[in-house]
Protein backbone atom coordinates (compact mmCIF):
# COMPACT_ATOMS: atom_id res chain seq x y z
CA UNK A 1 108.68 101.03 84.76
CA UNK A 2 107.42 101.25 81.26
CA UNK A 3 110.87 100.47 79.85
CA UNK A 4 112.82 97.50 81.10
CA UNK A 5 116.15 99.18 80.25
CA UNK A 6 117.73 95.95 79.09
CA UNK A 7 116.92 94.02 82.25
CA UNK A 8 116.51 90.29 81.68
CA UNK A 9 113.10 89.20 82.96
CA UNK A 10 113.32 85.60 81.77
CA UNK A 11 114.62 84.40 85.14
CA UNK A 12 111.97 86.30 87.17
CA UNK A 13 109.21 84.97 84.96
CA UNK A 14 110.44 81.41 85.44
CA UNK A 15 110.70 81.95 89.18
CA UNK A 16 107.15 83.33 89.36
CA UNK A 17 105.62 79.87 89.20
CA UNK A 18 107.68 78.74 92.19
CA UNK A 19 106.77 81.83 94.21
CA UNK A 20 103.07 81.70 93.29
CA UNK A 21 102.56 78.66 95.49
CA UNK A 22 104.61 80.04 98.37
CA UNK A 23 103.34 83.61 98.38
CA UNK A 24 104.36 85.57 101.44
CA UNK A 25 101.55 86.38 103.81
CA UNK A 26 101.14 89.58 105.72
CA UNK A 27 99.02 90.77 108.58
CA UNK A 28 96.83 93.85 108.64
CA UNK A 29 97.09 95.38 112.09
CA UNK A 30 95.87 98.77 113.19
CA UNK A 31 99.36 99.66 114.44
CA UNK A 32 101.17 99.52 111.11
CA UNK A 33 104.61 100.16 112.65
CA UNK A 34 104.61 96.48 113.65
CA UNK A 35 104.41 95.64 109.94
CA UNK A 36 107.45 97.74 109.04
CA UNK A 37 110.18 95.32 107.93
CA UNK A 38 112.81 97.98 107.35
CA UNK A 39 114.17 99.91 104.38
CA UNK A 40 114.43 98.44 100.89
CA UNK A 41 118.09 97.84 99.97
CA UNK A 42 118.20 98.09 96.18
CA UNK A 43 121.82 96.94 95.96
CA UNK A 44 120.98 93.77 97.92
CA UNK A 45 118.11 93.06 95.50
CA UNK A 46 120.41 93.56 92.50
CA UNK A 47 123.00 91.21 94.01
CA UNK A 48 120.38 88.56 94.78
CA UNK A 49 120.95 88.87 98.54
CA UNK A 50 117.45 90.20 99.21
CA UNK A 51 114.52 87.97 98.27
CA UNK A 52 111.59 89.53 100.13
CA UNK A 53 108.73 90.61 97.90
CA UNK A 54 106.12 92.12 100.24
CA UNK A 55 106.20 95.89 100.64
CA UNK A 56 104.48 98.34 102.92
CA UNK A 57 103.66 101.55 101.05
CA UNK A 58 103.20 104.51 103.39
CA UNK A 59 101.78 107.99 102.93
CA UNK A 60 98.80 106.89 100.85
CA UNK A 61 96.24 109.73 100.92
CA UNK A 62 93.22 108.74 103.00
CA UNK A 63 90.78 109.50 100.16
CA UNK A 64 92.28 106.76 97.98
CA UNK A 65 90.25 103.58 97.61
CA UNK A 66 91.86 100.18 96.97
CA UNK A 67 90.84 100.21 93.29
CA UNK A 68 92.51 103.62 92.81
CA UNK A 69 95.74 102.39 94.39
CA UNK A 70 95.67 99.26 92.22
CA UNK A 71 95.07 101.34 89.09
CA UNK A 72 97.99 103.60 89.95
CA UNK A 73 100.35 100.66 90.57
CA UNK A 74 99.22 98.82 87.43
CA UNK A 75 100.18 101.72 85.14
CA UNK A 76 103.81 100.57 85.06
CA UNK A 77 103.69 97.29 86.99
CA UNK A 78 100.73 95.32 85.64
CA UNK A 79 100.99 91.56 86.26
CA UNK A 80 104.05 92.07 88.45
CA UNK A 81 102.20 91.96 91.76
CA UNK A 82 99.65 89.45 92.93
CA UNK A 83 98.29 90.93 96.16
CA UNK A 84 97.29 94.38 97.25
CA UNK A 85 95.71 95.14 100.62
CA UNK A 86 94.76 98.62 101.74
CA UNK A 87 93.28 98.66 105.26
CA UNK A 88 90.22 100.90 105.40
CA UNK A 89 88.66 102.64 108.36
CA UNK A 90 85.38 100.96 109.28
CA UNK A 91 83.47 104.18 109.91
CA UNK A 92 80.66 105.22 107.61
CA UNK A 93 79.14 103.47 104.63
CA UNK A 94 81.12 101.39 102.13
CA UNK A 95 81.44 104.37 99.77
CA UNK A 96 82.71 106.62 102.60
CA UNK A 97 85.43 104.32 103.93
CA UNK A 98 88.85 105.88 103.93
CA UNK A 99 92.31 104.43 103.58
CA UNK A 100 94.39 104.31 106.76
CA UNK A 101 97.33 105.83 104.92
CA UNK A 102 99.22 102.69 104.00
CA UNK A 103 98.90 99.53 101.96
CA UNK A 104 100.67 96.23 101.36
CA UNK A 105 101.68 94.90 97.96
CA UNK A 106 103.30 91.56 97.18
CA UNK A 107 105.37 91.27 94.02
CA UNK A 108 105.98 88.10 92.05
CA UNK A 109 109.78 88.49 92.11
CA UNK A 110 112.36 90.65 93.95
CA UNK A 111 113.44 92.34 90.69
CA UNK A 112 109.89 93.63 90.36
CA UNK A 113 110.30 95.17 93.82
CA UNK A 114 113.44 96.91 92.56
CA UNK A 115 111.64 98.35 89.53
CA UNK A 116 108.65 99.47 91.60
CA UNK A 117 110.84 101.27 94.14
CA UNK A 118 112.82 102.99 91.37
CA UNK A 119 109.62 103.99 89.57
CA UNK A 120 108.01 105.42 92.71
CA UNK A 121 111.09 107.26 94.02
CA UNK A 122 109.94 110.75 95.12
CA UNK A 123 106.45 109.88 93.81
CA UNK A 124 103.54 112.12 94.74
CA UNK A 125 100.01 110.77 94.49
CA UNK A 126 98.28 112.52 91.56
CA UNK A 127 94.66 112.52 92.77
CA UNK A 128 92.95 114.74 95.30
CA UNK A 129 95.70 117.41 95.22
CA UNK A 130 97.85 115.46 97.66
CA UNK A 131 101.38 116.56 98.43
CA UNK A 132 102.23 113.34 100.25
CA UNK A 133 105.42 111.66 99.05
CA UNK A 134 105.30 107.90 98.93
CA UNK A 135 107.45 105.91 101.37
CA UNK A 136 108.23 102.28 100.60
CA UNK A 137 109.57 99.75 103.09
CA UNK A 138 109.56 95.99 103.43
CA UNK A 139 106.59 94.55 105.27
CA UNK A 140 106.99 92.08 108.13
CA UNK A 141 105.64 88.63 107.28
CA UNK A 142 103.47 87.28 110.06
């Protein structure tokens, strides 16, 4: 979000250094349902009960390239995530590769997950006249 709405980010910024070295890993499998770690519980994040930081973002239009997804996410969340992976179909040349319709993003702190989910609630991808609505779930660490 462009406004932090009074949220205190001192603690997340201090915790970033600890999480940097122990970044969650995730697997890129062709059957992305195996990577679905369940719904994001915003209340659990607020209460500090949920500490996962890796998300699976579904309903990404196939025409999107990784750099376009990154640019979209960085508009309101720059420097809040440290990994972005968008599996691409291997058919065609490098310029013709298409997104498989999902991506993985790892945030530096759970409160950044909260802000991202709130920002992208009912979000529709702006490029390529897509009417897909974003779906965000936790990713399974493997």
